[in-house]
Amino acid sequence: MAEPRKLDMSVAVAILTYKRLDMLETALARCEAAFRAAKVRAILLVIDNDADETARPVVARFADRFDEIHYHCEPRRGIPVARNRALDEALALGADALCFIDDDEYPDPEWLARLVACWRETGADLVGGPVEVARPVPGAGLLQRIINASLAARMRRKNSKTARAAARKGRYTIITNNWLCDLAWQKRAKIRFDETLLISGGSDTAFYRAARKAGCETAWCPDALVSETIPLERLTFDYQFRRAADQSITRFRLKNPRVTPGVAILASGAAALRFLLGAALLVLPVFGAASPMMAIRSLGWSAGRLQALRGKKSELYK
């Protein structure tokens, strides 16, 4: 375990964005309060992955509301490319740590203070925190509100499971929707986001796996909370099914570069079990409000695993 950090730290918070201007504006407004509460040199980085620089006017409106705010356009499309650009910019500014949140998220006012406090106190190289599903946006229909509520309940279950795993030193994954990385460690480990995963997703999971393999010390901060607003077009059973399938494909391919007969048999069995679980939850909603989304995503996960066995690649972010 590394030594606890000194008090005079600088932390860069990066938001990657692509043509979600209203959500970006909300994220920036909420970051303003979170930055005031954090007793660090806080630097805001906005990485616009749109070559037309559509986010630049939004960022300009916040220029006098942060001590340090930097806008960068990364014209090469792809989430891992934009993440690496944020990493490079944070290093160039001499930041001690880099945080990520998504542009469809907004942090709790104490989010950054708590995340940094956990990093300092534990000496961890990589720190994660929970994401909750926010209330649906205005204009959501009844079915969309039901789906949002089911997603929120499912996320609460996941957060509780992760907190329990972290408390007993068990297995959990830290992804970039609420993420802090010690940059001194990153410079030693030289781990970056895999730019071959341009449209499949999963580059943050791949980063985490590589980090753990390199001996990265991790910590979970259950009270460093971020809320995610689900866009209306994603509040459909069809989208959630397809998203679960794509995520299942990506995770399988990351874990199994080669598909041996043994891997195929195990994966087929797991897909069958997940299909049965999903079908059962449609009939018996034993997990309450979380059950509908757990059912749909289990069915999607099963379909994705079978597609991965046939060689299909995820195109989640095409």
C-alpha atoms as a PDB file:
ATOM      1  CA  MET A   1       0.000   0.000   0.000  1.00  0.00           C
ATOM      2  CA  ALA A   2       1.334   3.435  -0.933  1.00  0.00           C
ATOM      3  CA  GLU A   3       1.895   6.159   1.636  1.00  0.00           C
ATOM      4  CA  PRO A   4      -1.040   8.529   2.356  1.00  0.00           C
ATOM      5  CA  ARG A   5      -0.943  11.602   0.139  1.00  0.00           C
ATOM      6  CA  LYS A   6       0.176  15.085   1.138  1.00  0.00           C
ATOM      7  CA  LEU A   7      -2.444  17.804   1.520  1.00  0.00           C
ATOM      8  CA  ASP A   8      -1.406  20.160  -1.290  1.00  0.00           C
ATOM      9  CA  MET A   9      -2.708  18.057  -4.157  1.00  0.00           C
ATOM     10  CA  SER A  10      -3.975  19.023  -7.620  1.00  0.00           C
ATOM     11  CA  VAL A  11      -6.776  16.983  -9.157  1.00  0.00           C
ATOM     12  CA  ALA A  12      -8.011  17.166 -12.758  1.00  0.00           C
ATOM     13  CA  VAL A  13     -11.639  16.248 -13.382  1.00  0.00           C
ATOM     14  CA  ALA A  14     -12.332  15.269 -16.990  1.00  0.00           C
ATOM     15  CA  ILE A  15     -15.703  15.203 -18.713  1.00  0.00           C
ATOM     16  CA  LEU A  16     -15.806  13.665 -22.184  1.00  0.00           C
ATOM     17  CA  THR A  17     -18.662  14.901 -24.324  1.00  0.00           C
ATOM     18  CA  TYR A  18     -20.199  14.440 -27.751  1.00  0.00           C
ATOM     19  CA  LYS A  19     -23.221  16.537 -28.787  1.00  0.00           C
ATOM     20  CA  ARG A  20     -25.059  16.355 -25.429  1.00  0.00           C
ATOM     21  CA  LEU A  21     -25.006  20.059 -24.678  1.00  0.00           C
ATOM     22  CA  ASP A  22     -27.880  20.276 -22.179  1.00  0.00           C
ATOM     23  CA  MET A  23     -26.489  17.404 -20.125  1.00  0.00           C
ATOM     24  CA  LEU A  24     -22.996  18.870 -20.281  1.00  0.00           C
ATOM     25  CA  GLU A  25     -24.308  22.178 -18.957  1.00  0.00           C
ATOM     26  CA  THR A  26     -25.919  20.400 -16.003  1.00  0.00           C
ATOM     27  CA  ALA A  27     -22.703  18.493 -15.302  1.00  0.00           C
ATOM     28  CA  LEU A  28     -20.640  21.697 -15.351  1.00  0.00           C
ATOM     29  CA  ALA A  29     -23.057  23.524 -13.047  1.00  0.00           C
ATOM     30  CA  ARG A  30     -22.973  20.683 -10.505  1.00  0.00           C
ATOM     31  CA  CYS A  31     -19.186  20.405 -10.735  1.00  0.00           C
ATOM     32  CA  GLU A  32     -18.925  24.043  -9.707  1.00  0.00           C
ATOM     33  CA  ALA A  33     -20.405  23.248  -6.278  1.00  0.00           C
ATOM     34  CA  ALA A  34     -18.317  20.083  -5.924  1.00  0.00           C
ATOM     35  CA  PHE A  35     -15.123  21.984  -6.723  1.00  0.00           C
ATOM     36  CA  ARG A  36     -15.841  24.604  -4.061  1.00  0.00           C
ATOM     37  CA  ALA A  37     -16.174  21.910  -1.383  1.00  0.00           C
ATOM     38  CA  ALA A  38     -12.933  20.112  -2.300  1.00  0.00           C
ATOM     39  CA  LYS A  39      -9.800  21.422  -0.581  1.00  0.00           C
ATOM     40  CA  VAL A  40      -7.498  20.782  -3.540  1.00  0.00           C
ATOM     41  CA  ARG A  41      -6.349  22.553  -6.663  1.00  0.00           C
ATOM     42  CA  ALA A  42      -9.221  21.390  -8.857  1.00  0.00           C
ATOM     43  CA  ILE A  43      -8.810  21.576 -12.641  1.00  0.00           C
ATOM     44  CA  LEU A  44     -11.732  20.992 -14.989  1.00  0.00           C
ATOM     45  CA  LEU A  45     -10.990  19.384 -18.366  1.00  0.00           C
ATOM     46  CA  VAL A  46     -13.684  19.140 -21.032  1.00  0.00           C
ATOM     47  CA  ILE A  47     -12.729  16.863 -23.919  1.00  0.00           C
ATOM     48  CA  ASP A  48     -15.058  17.463 -26.864  1.00  0.00           C
ATOM     49  CA  ASN A  49     -15.052  14.451 -29.182  1.00  0.00           C
ATOM     50  CA  ASP A  50     -16.933  16.410 -31.854  1.00  0.00           C
ATOM     51  CA  ALA A  51     -14.686  17.860 -34.587  1.00  0.00           C
ATOM     52  CA  ASP A  52     -17.214  20.702 -35.018  1.00  0.00           C
ATOM     53  CA  GLU A  53     -16.475  21.851 -31.426  1.00  0.00           C
ATOM     54  CA  THR A  54     -20.153  22.129 -30.523  1.00  0.00           C
ATOM     55  CA  ALA A  55     -19.375  22.075 -26.791  1.00  0.00           C
ATOM     56  CA  ARG A  56     -17.033  25.073 -26.913  1.00  0.00           C
ATOM     57  CA  PRO A  57     -19.757  27.754 -26.352  1.00  0.00           C
ATOM     58  CA  VAL A  58     -21.151  25.821 -23.381  1.00  0.00           C
ATOM     59  CA  VAL A  59     -17.732  25.615 -21.754  1.00  0.00           C
ATOM     60  CA  ALA A  60     -17.077  29.300 -22.492  1.00  0.00           C
ATOM     61  CA  ARG A  61     -20.142  30.271 -20.447  1.00  0.00           C
ATOM     62  CA  PHE A  62     -18.506  28.665 -17.401  1.00  0.00           C
ATOM     63  CA  ALA A  63     -15.064  30.185 -17.905  1.00  0.00           C
ATOM     64  CA  ASP A  64     -15.336  32.583 -14.935  1.00  0.00           C
ATOM     65  CA  ARG A  65     -16.964  30.047 -12.607  1.00  0.00           C
ATOM     66  CA  PHE A  66     -13.929  27.799 -12.177  1.00  0.00           C
ATOM     67  CA  ASP A  67     -10.402  28.647 -11.113  1.00  0.00           C
ATOM     68  CA  GLU A  68      -9.077  26.435 -13.910  1.00  0.00           C
ATOM     69  CA  ILE A  69     -11.109  25.166 -16.829  1.00  0.00           C
ATOM     70  CA  HIS A  70      -9.632  23.835 -20.070  1.00  0.00           C
ATOM     71  CA  TYR A  71     -11.488  22.972 -23.266  1.00  0.00           C
ATOM     72  CA  HIS A  72      -9.893  20.592 -25.773  1.00  0.00           C
ATOM     73  CA  CYS A  73     -11.314  19.240 -28.999  1.00  0.00           C
ATOM     74  CA  GLU A  74     -10.270  15.667 -29.777  1.00  0.00           C
ATOM     75  CA  PRO A  75     -11.360  15.203 -33.410  1.00  0.00           C
ATOM     76  CA  ARG A  76     -10.428  11.510 -33.568  1.00  0.00           C
ATOM     77  CA  ARG A  77     -13.675   9.758 -32.702  1.00  0.00           C
ATOM     78  CA  GLY A  78     -13.792   7.135 -29.961  1.00  0.00           C
ATOM     79  CA  ILE A  79     -14.129   7.023 -26.196  1.00  0.00           C
ATOM     80  CA  PRO A  80     -10.699   5.469 -25.485  1.00  0.00           C
ATOM     81  CA  VAL A  81      -9.058   8.110 -27.701  1.00  0.00           C
ATOM     82  CA  ALA A  82     -10.797  10.896 -25.752  1.00  0.00           C
ATOM     83  CA  ARG A  83      -9.896   9.251 -22.435  1.00  0.00           C
ATOM     84  CA  ASN A  84      -6.237   9.114 -23.411  1.00  0.00           C
ATOM     85  CA  ARG A  85      -6.407  12.777 -24.465  1.00  0.00           C
ATOM     86  CA  ALA A  86      -7.730  13.643 -20.988  1.00  0.00           C
ATOM     87  CA  LEU A  87      -4.932  11.604 -19.437  1.00  0.00           C
ATOM     88  CA  ASP A  88      -2.298  13.430 -21.509  1.00  0.00           C
ATOM     89  CA  GLU A  89      -3.745  16.865 -20.705  1.00  0.00           C
ATOM     90  CA  ALA A  90      -3.870  16.113 -16.972  1.00  0.00           C
ATOM     91  CA  LEU A  91      -0.250  14.971 -17.018  1.00  0.00           C
ATOM     92  CA  ALA A  92       0.783  18.077 -18.968  1.00  0.00           C
ATOM     93  CA  LEU A  93      -0.833  20.282 -16.300  1.00  0.00           C
ATOM     94  CA  GLY A  94       1.087  18.504 -13.534  1.00  0.00           C
ATOM     95  CA  ALA A  95      -2.028  17.101 -11.856  1.00  0.00           C
ATOM     96  CA  ASP A  96      -1.523  14.512  -9.119  1.00  0.00           C
ATOM     97  CA  ALA A  97      -4.718  12.656  -9.965  1.00  0.00           C
ATOM     98  CA  LEU A  98      -7.257  12.406 -12.766  1.00  0.00           C
ATOM     99  CA  CYS A  99     -10.987  11.898 -12.219  1.00  0.00           C
ATOM    100  CA  PHE A 100     -13.612  11.001 -14.798  1.00  0.00           C
ATOM    101  CA  ILE A 101     -17.358  11.459 -14.831  1.00  0.00           C
ATOM    102  CA  ASP A 102     -19.623  11.143 -17.872  1.00  0.00           C
ATOM    103  CA  ASP A 103     -21.359  14.085 -19.542  1.00  0.00           C
ATOM    104  CA  ASP A 104     -24.783  12.604 -18.713  1.00  0.00           C
ATOM    105  CA  GLU A 105     -23.907  12.577 -15.007  1.00  0.00           C
ATOM    106  CA  TYR A 106     -23.722  15.159 -12.252  1.00  0.00           C
ATOM    107  CA  PRO A 107     -21.861  14.870  -8.939  1.00  0.00           C
ATOM    108  CA  ASP A 108     -23.087  15.295  -5.379  1.00  0.00           C
ATOM    109  CA  PRO A 109     -21.747  18.545  -3.835  1.00  0.00           C
ATOM    110  CA  GLU A 110     -19.386  16.518  -1.602  1.00  0.00           C
ATOM    111  CA  TRP A 111     -18.382  14.086  -4.346  1.00  0.00           C
ATOM    112  CA  LEU A 112     -14.894  15.369  -5.108  1.00  0.00           C
ATOM    113  CA  ALA A 113     -14.035  16.074  -1.453  1.00  0.00           C
ATOM    114  CA  ARG A 114     -14.995  12.534  -0.457  1.00  0.00           C
ATOM    115  CA  LEU A 115     -13.268  10.868  -3.397  1.00  0.00           C
ATOM    116  CA  VAL A 116     -10.051  12.785  -2.729  1.00  0.00           C
ATOM    117  CA  ALA A 117     -10.262  12.084   1.021  1.00  0.00           C
ATOM    118  CA  CYS A 118     -10.554   8.341   0.305  1.00  0.00           C
ATOM    119  CA  TRP A 119      -7.559   8.537  -2.054  1.00  0.00           C
ATOM    120  CA  ARG A 120      -5.479  10.370   0.539  1.00  0.00           C
ATOM    121  CA  GLU A 121      -6.431   8.166   3.467  1.00  0.00           C
ATOM    122  CA  THR A 122      -6.098   4.783   1.767  1.00  0.00           C
ATOM    123  CA  GLY A 123      -3.095   5.509  -0.442  1.00  0.00           C
ATOM    124  CA  ALA A 124      -4.892   3.642  -3.252  1.00  0.00           C
ATOM    125  CA  ASP A 125      -3.813   4.016  -6.862  1.00  0.00           C
ATOM    126  CA  LEU A 126      -7.340   3.792  -8.262  1.00  0.00           C
ATOM    127  CA  VAL A 127     -10.529   4.840  -6.450  1.00  0.00           C
ATOM    128  CA  GLY A 128     -14.124   4.336  -7.550  1.00  0.00           C
ATOM    129  CA  GLY A 129     -17.528   5.376  -6.320  1.00  0.00           C
ATOM    130  CA  PRO A 130     -21.195   4.600  -6.952  1.00  0.00           C
ATOM    131  CA  VAL A 131     -23.481   5.956  -9.648  1.00  0.00           C
ATOM    132  CA  GLU A 132     -27.210   6.299  -9.034  1.00  0.00           C
ATOM    133  CA  VAL A 133     -29.882   6.692 -11.691  1.00  0.00           C
ATOM    134  CA  ALA A 134     -31.432  10.166 -11.514  1.00  0.00           C
ATOM    135  CA  ARG A 135     -35.103  11.002 -11.914  1.00  0.00           C
ATOM    136  CA  PRO A 136     -36.320  10.772 -15.518  1.00  0.00           C
ATOM    137  CA  VAL A 137     -36.061  13.899 -17.632  1.00  0.00           C
ATOM    138  CA  PRO A 138     -39.204  15.991 -18.233  1.00  0.00           C
ATOM    139  CA  GLY A 139     -41.388  14.592 -20.966  1.00  0.00           C
ATOM    140  CA  ALA A 140     -40.847  10.929 -20.070  1.00  0.00           C
ATOM    141  CA  GLY A 141     -43.907   8.785 -20.679  1.00  0.00           C
ATOM    142  CA  LEU A 142     -45.331   6.245 -18.260  1.00  0.00           C
ATOM    143  CA  LEU A 143     -43.378   3.295 -19.681  1.00  0.00           C
ATOM    144  CA  GLN A 144     -40.173   5.349 -19.737  1.00  0.00           C
ATOM    145  CA  ARG A 145     -40.684   6.295 -16.077  1.00  0.00           C
ATOM    146  CA  ILE A 146     -41.229   2.620 -15.204  1.00  0.00           C
ATOM    147  CA  ILE A 147     -38.039   1.620 -17.032  1.00  0.00           C
ATOM    148  CA  ASN A 148     -36.110   4.436 -15.318  1.00  0.00           C
ATOM    149  CA  ALA A 149     -37.375   3.257 -11.908  1.00  0.00           C
ATOM    150  CA  SER A 150     -36.335  -0.311 -12.701  1.00  0.00           C
ATOM    151  CA  LEU A 151     -32.880   0.845 -13.803  1.00  0.00           C
ATOM    152  CA  ALA A 152     -32.556   2.886 -10.595  1.00  0.00           C
ATOM    153  CA  ALA A 153     -33.474  -0.093  -8.415  1.00  0.00           C
ATOM    154  CA  ARG A 154     -31.075  -2.344 -10.323  1.00  0.00           C
ATOM    155  CA  MET A 155     -28.267   0.194  -9.855  1.00  0.00           C
ATOM    156  CA  ARG A 156     -28.924   0.411  -6.106  1.00  0.00           C
ATOM    157  CA  ARG A 157     -28.560  -3.362  -5.890  1.00  0.00           C
ATOM    158  CA  LYS A 158     -25.283  -3.219  -7.840  1.00  0.00           C
ATOM    159  CA  ASN A 159     -23.916  -0.443  -5.639  1.00  0.00           C
ATOM    160  CA  SER A 160     -24.750  -2.378  -2.471  1.00  0.00           C
ATOM    161  CA  LYS A 161     -23.102  -5.496  -3.879  1.00  0.00           C
ATOM    162  CA  THR A 162     -19.952  -3.553  -4.812  1.00  0.00           C
ATOM    163  CA  ALA A 163     -19.748  -1.889  -1.389  1.00  0.00           C
ATOM    164  CA  ARG A 164     -19.990  -5.300   0.317  1.00  0.00           C
ATOM    165  CA  ALA A 165     -17.328  -6.771  -1.981  1.00  0.00           C
ATOM    166  CA  ALA A 166     -14.981  -3.852  -1.331  1.00  0.00           C
ATOM    167  CA  ALA A 167     -15.481  -4.110   2.433  1.00  0.00           C
ATOM    168  CA  ARG A 168     -14.411  -7.759   2.446  1.00  0.00           C
ATOM    169  CA  LYS A 169     -11.598  -7.214  -0.104  1.00  0.00           C
ATOM    170  CA  GLY A 170     -13.548  -9.109  -2.745  1.00  0.00           C
ATOM    171  CA  ARG A 171     -13.803  -8.590  -6.502  1.00  0.00           C
ATOM    172  CA  TYR A 172     -15.305  -5.470  -8.059  1.00  0.00           C
ATOM    173  CA  THR A 173     -14.591  -3.304 -11.094  1.00  0.00           C
ATOM    174  CA  ILE A 174     -13.900   0.439 -11.174  1.00  0.00           C
ATOM    175  CA  ILE A 175     -15.039   2.135 -14.389  1.00  0.00           C
ATOM    176  CA  THR A 176     -14.767   5.730 -15.532  1.00  0.00           C
ATOM    177  CA  ASN A 177     -18.269   6.923 -14.686  1.00  0.00           C
ATOM    178  CA  ASN A 178     -16.909   7.685 -11.174  1.00  0.00           C
ATOM    179  CA  TRP A 179     -13.132   7.200 -11.167  1.00  0.00           C
ATOM    180  CA  LEU A 180      -9.954   8.643  -9.685  1.00  0.00           C
ATOM    181  CA  CYS A 181      -6.475   7.547 -10.771  1.00  0.00           C
ATOM    182  CA  ASP A 182      -3.193   8.457  -9.097  1.00  0.00           C
ATOM    183  CA  LEU A 183      -1.077   9.850 -11.925  1.00  0.00           C
ATOM    184  CA  ALA A 184       2.267   9.094 -10.273  1.00  0.00           C
ATOM    185  CA  TRP A 185       1.233   5.437 -10.308  1.00  0.00           C
ATOM    186  CA  GLN A 186      -0.022   5.705 -13.902  1.00  0.00           C
ATOM    187  CA  LYS A 187       3.315   7.118 -15.053  1.00  0.00           C
ATOM    188  CA  ARG A 188       5.108   4.185 -13.451  1.00  0.00           C
ATOM    189  CA  ALA A 189       2.678   1.560 -14.755  1.00  0.00           C
ATOM    190  CA  LYS A 190       2.320   3.202 -18.210  1.00  0.00           C
ATOM    191  CA  ILE A 191      -1.213   1.823 -18.600  1.00  0.00           C
ATOM    192  CA  ARG A 192      -3.476   3.614 -21.062  1.00  0.00           C
ATOM    193  CA  PHE A 193      -6.904   3.062 -22.588  1.00  0.00           C
ATOM    194  CA  ASP A 194      -6.973   0.534 -25.411  1.00  0.00           C
ATOM    195  CA  GLU A 195      -7.717   2.482 -28.602  1.00  0.00           C
ATOM    196  CA  THR A 196      -8.588  -0.659 -30.526  1.00  0.00           C
ATOM    197  CA  LEU A 197     -11.863  -0.696 -28.555  1.00  0.00           C
ATOM    198  CA  LEU A 198     -13.188   2.359 -30.404  1.00  0.00           C
ATOM    199  CA  ILE A 199     -16.824   1.330 -30.855  1.00  0.00           C
ATOM    200  CA  SER A 200     -17.179  -1.781 -28.734  1.00  0.00           C
ATOM    201  CA  GLY A 201     -16.903  -0.096 -25.336  1.00  0.00           C
ATOM    202  CA  GLY A 202     -15.028  -1.728 -22.481  1.00  0.00           C
ATOM    203  CA  SER A 203     -11.785   0.253 -22.601  1.00  0.00           C
ATOM    204  CA  ASP A 204     -12.211   1.291 -18.959  1.00  0.00           C
ATOM    205  CA  THR A 205     -12.782  -2.335 -17.934  1.00  0.00           C
ATOM    206  CA  ALA A 206      -9.669  -3.316 -19.895  1.00  0.00           C
ATOM    207  CA  PHE A 207      -7.732  -0.528 -18.141  1.00  0.00           C
ATOM    208  CA  TYR A 208      -8.899  -1.814 -14.758  1.00  0.00           C
ATOM    209  CA  ARG A 209      -7.908  -5.400 -15.525  1.00  0.00           C
ATOM    210  CA  ALA A 210      -4.476  -4.320 -16.737  1.00  0.00           C
ATOM    211  CA  ALA A 211      -4.065  -2.154 -13.642  1.00  0.00           C
ATOM    212  CA  ARG A 212      -4.896  -4.982 -11.276  1.00  0.00           C
ATOM    213  CA  LYS A 213      -2.526  -7.275 -13.132  1.00  0.00           C
ATOM    214  CA  ALA A 214       0.185  -4.639 -12.606  1.00  0.00           C
ATOM    215  CA  GLY A 215      -0.421  -4.623  -8.844  1.00  0.00           C
ATOM    216  CA  CYS A 216      -2.669  -1.572  -8.647  1.00  0.00           C
ATOM    217  CA  GLU A 217      -4.105  -0.882  -5.165  1.00  0.00           C
ATOM    218  CA  THR A 218      -7.805  -0.017  -5.313  1.00  0.00           C
ATOM    219  CA  ALA A 219     -10.371   1.505  -2.987  1.00  0.00           C
ATOM    220  CA  TRP A 220     -14.127   2.052  -3.080  1.00  0.00           C
ATOM    221  CA  CYS A 221     -15.704   5.235  -1.723  1.00  0.00           C
ATOM    222  CA  PRO A 222     -19.419   4.484  -1.207  1.00  0.00           C
ATOM    223  CA  ASP A 223     -20.344   8.050  -0.235  1.00  0.00           C
ATOM    224  CA  ALA A 224     -18.725   9.757  -3.268  1.00  0.00           C
ATOM    225  CA  LEU A 225     -21.932   9.811  -5.271  1.00  0.00           C
ATOM    226  CA  VAL A 226     -22.622  10.632  -8.909  1.00  0.00           C
ATOM    227  CA  SER A 227     -26.089  10.612 -10.528  1.00  0.00           C
ATOM    228  CA  GLU A 228     -26.743   9.564 -14.125  1.00  0.00           C
ATOM    229  CA  THR A 229     -29.555  10.961 -16.264  1.00  0.00           C
ATOM    230  CA  ILE A 230     -30.793   8.364 -18.750  1.00  0.00           C
ATOM    231  CA  PRO A 231     -31.713   9.947 -22.126  1.00  0.00           C
ATOM    232  CA  LEU A 232     -35.280   9.233 -23.233  1.00  0.00           C
ATOM    233  CA  GLU A 233     -34.133   7.243 -26.279  1.00  0.00           C
ATOM    234  CA  ARG A 234     -32.404   4.785 -23.953  1.00  0.00           C
ATOM    235  CA  LEU A 235     -35.497   4.235 -21.815  1.00  0.00           C
ATOM    236  CA  THR A 236     -36.803   1.372 -23.929  1.00  0.00           C
ATOM    237  CA  PHE A 237     -36.683  -2.367 -23.369  1.00  0.00           C
ATOM    238  CA  ASP A 238     -35.229  -2.786 -26.864  1.00  0.00           C
ATOM    239  CA  TYR A 239     -32.291  -0.457 -26.161  1.00  0.00           C
ATOM    240  CA  GLN A 240     -31.546  -2.030 -22.784  1.00  0.00           C
ATOM    241  CA  PHE A 241     -31.640  -5.520 -24.331  1.00  0.00           C
ATOM    242  CA  ARG A 242     -29.215  -4.472 -27.088  1.00  0.00           C
ATOM    243  CA  ARG A 243     -26.928  -2.640 -24.653  1.00  0.00           C
ATOM    244  CA  ALA A 244     -26.716  -5.693 -22.401  1.00  0.00           C
ATOM    245  CA  ALA A 245     -25.966  -7.883 -25.432  1.00  0.00           C
ATOM    246  CA  ASP A 246     -23.180  -5.565 -26.619  1.00  0.00           C
ATOM    247  CA  GLN A 247     -21.659  -5.383 -23.134  1.00  0.00           C
ATOM    248  CA  SER A 248     -21.789  -9.177 -22.854  1.00  0.00           C
ATOM    249  CA  ILE A 249     -19.978  -9.518 -26.202  1.00  0.00           C
ATOM    250  CA  THR A 250     -17.265  -7.068 -25.158  1.00  0.00           C
ATOM    251  CA  ARG A 251     -16.634  -8.663 -21.767  1.00  0.00           C
ATOM    252  CA  PHE A 252     -16.446 -12.122 -23.308  1.00  0.00           C
ATOM    253  CA  ARG A 253     -13.947 -10.999 -25.946  1.00  0.00           C
ATOM    254  CA  LEU A 254     -11.801  -9.197 -23.362  1.00  0.00           C
ATOM    255  CA  LYS A 255     -11.686 -12.290 -21.184  1.00  0.00           C
ATOM    256  CA  ASN A 256     -11.339 -14.856 -23.987  1.00  0.00           C
ATOM    257  CA  PRO A 257      -9.063 -13.792 -26.858  1.00  0.00           C
ATOM    258  CA  ARG A 258      -9.222 -17.412 -28.031  1.00  0.00           C
ATOM    259  CA  VAL A 259     -12.374 -19.523 -27.970  1.00  0.00           C
ATOM    260  CA  THR A 260     -11.411 -23.078 -27.136  1.00  0.00           C
ATOM    261  CA  PRO A 261     -13.979 -25.933 -27.052  1.00  0.00           C
ATOM    262  CA  GLY A 262     -13.942 -25.749 -23.250  1.00  0.00           C
ATOM    263  CA  VAL A 263     -14.604 -22.001 -23.271  1.00  0.00           C
ATOM    264  CA  ALA A 264     -17.441 -22.489 -25.772  1.00  0.00           C
ATOM    265  CA  ILE A 265     -19.105 -25.145 -23.610  1.00  0.00           C
ATOM    266  CA  LEU A 266     -18.872 -23.036 -20.452  1.00  0.00           C
ATOM    267  CA  ALA A 267     -20.109 -19.900 -22.224  1.00  0.00           C
ATOM    268  CA  SER A 268     -23.049 -21.743 -23.766  1.00  0.00           C
ATOM    269  CA  GLY A 269     -24.030 -23.112 -20.377  1.00  0.00           C
ATOM    270  CA  ALA A 270     -23.789 -19.668 -18.785  1.00  0.00           C
ATOM    271  CA  ALA A 271     -25.918 -18.199 -21.579  1.00  0.00           C
ATOM    272  CA  ALA A 272     -28.591 -20.849 -21.011  1.00  0.00           C
ATOM    273  CA  LEU A 273     -28.664 -20.160 -17.277  1.00  0.00           C
ATOM    274  CA  ARG A 274     -28.936 -16.397 -17.809  1.00  0.00           C
ATOM    275  CA  PHE A 275     -31.745 -16.935 -20.292  1.00  0.00           C
ATOM    276  CA  LEU A 276     -33.654 -19.033 -17.758  1.00  0.00           C
ATOM    277  CA  LEU A 277     -33.035 -16.420 -15.057  1.00  0.00           C
ATOM    278  CA  GLY A 278     -34.339 -13.650 -17.294  1.00  0.00           C
ATOM    279  CA  ALA A 279     -37.405 -15.641 -18.291  1.00  0.00           C
ATOM    280  CA  ALA A 280     -38.139 -16.495 -14.654  1.00  0.00           C
ATOM    281  CA  LEU A 281     -37.868 -12.853 -13.568  1.00  0.00           C
ATOM    282  CA  LEU A 282     -40.415 -11.851 -16.192  1.00  0.00           C
ATOM    283  CA  VAL A 283     -42.896 -14.161 -14.493  1.00  0.00           C
ATOM    284  CA  LEU A 284     -41.778 -13.872 -10.854  1.00  0.00           C
ATOM    285  CA  PRO A 285     -40.416 -10.380 -10.061  1.00  0.00           C
ATOM    286  CA  VAL A 286     -38.691 -11.522  -6.868  1.00  0.00           C
ATOM    287  CA  PHE A 287     -36.306  -8.536  -6.852  1.00  0.00           C
ATOM    288  CA  GLY A 288     -39.076  -5.962  -6.780  1.00  0.00           C
ATOM    289  CA  ALA A 289     -38.741  -2.861  -8.943  1.00  0.00           C
ATOM    290  CA  ALA A 290     -35.347  -4.029 -10.224  1.00  0.00           C
ATOM    291  CA  SER A 291     -36.810  -7.242 -11.667  1.00  0.00           C
ATOM    292  CA  PRO A 292     -38.037  -6.025 -15.094  1.00  0.00           C
ATOM    293  CA  MET A 293     -34.670  -4.543 -16.009  1.00  0.00           C
ATOM    294  CA  MET A 294     -32.748  -7.474 -14.541  1.00  0.00           C
ATOM    295  CA  ALA A 295     -34.912  -9.770 -16.690  1.00  0.00           C
ATOM    296  CA  ILE A 296     -34.419  -7.827 -19.929  1.00  0.00           C
ATOM    297  CA  ARG A 297     -30.705  -7.392 -19.379  1.00  0.00           C
ATOM    298  CA  SER A 298     -30.265 -11.082 -18.475  1.00  0.00           C
ATOM    299  CA  LEU A 299     -31.926 -12.039 -21.743  1.00  0.00           C
ATOM    300  CA  GLY A 300     -29.726  -9.540 -23.595  1.00  0.00           C
ATOM    301  CA  TRP A 301     -26.612 -10.846 -21.814  1.00  0.00           C
ATOM    302  CA  SER A 302     -27.507 -14.391 -22.888  1.00  0.00           C
ATOM    303  CA  ALA A 303     -28.028 -13.345 -26.517  1.00  0.00           C
ATOM    304  CA  GLY A 304     -24.747 -11.407 -26.529  1.00  0.00           C
ATOM    305  CA  ARG A 305     -22.785 -14.340 -25.171  1.00  0.00           C
ATOM    306  CA  LEU A 306     -24.081 -16.593 -27.956  1.00  0.00           C
ATOM    307  CA  GLN A 307     -23.331 -13.892 -30.549  1.00  0.00           C
ATOM    308  CA  ALA A 308     -19.782 -13.598 -29.196  1.00  0.00           C
ATOM    309  CA  LEU A 309     -19.307 -17.339 -29.661  1.00  0.00           C
ATOM    310  CA  ARG A 310     -20.247 -16.887 -33.321  1.00  0.00           C
ATOM    311  CA  GLY A 311     -17.566 -14.195 -33.681  1.00  0.00           C
ATOM    312  CA  LYS A 312     -19.740 -11.092 -33.494  1.00  0.00           C
ATOM    313  CA  LYS A 313     -18.115  -7.849 -32.281  1.00  0.00           C
ATOM    314  CA  SER A 314     -19.870  -5.166 -30.252  1.00  0.00           C
ATOM    315  CA  GLU A 315     -20.779  -1.925 -32.020  1.00  0.00           C
ATOM    316  CA  LEU A 316     -22.214  -0.214 -28.940  1.00  0.00           C
ATOM    317  CA  TYR A 317     -20.761   3.211 -29.795  1.00  0.00           C
ATOM    318  CA  LYS A 318     -20.876   3.067 -33.592  1.00  0.00           C
END
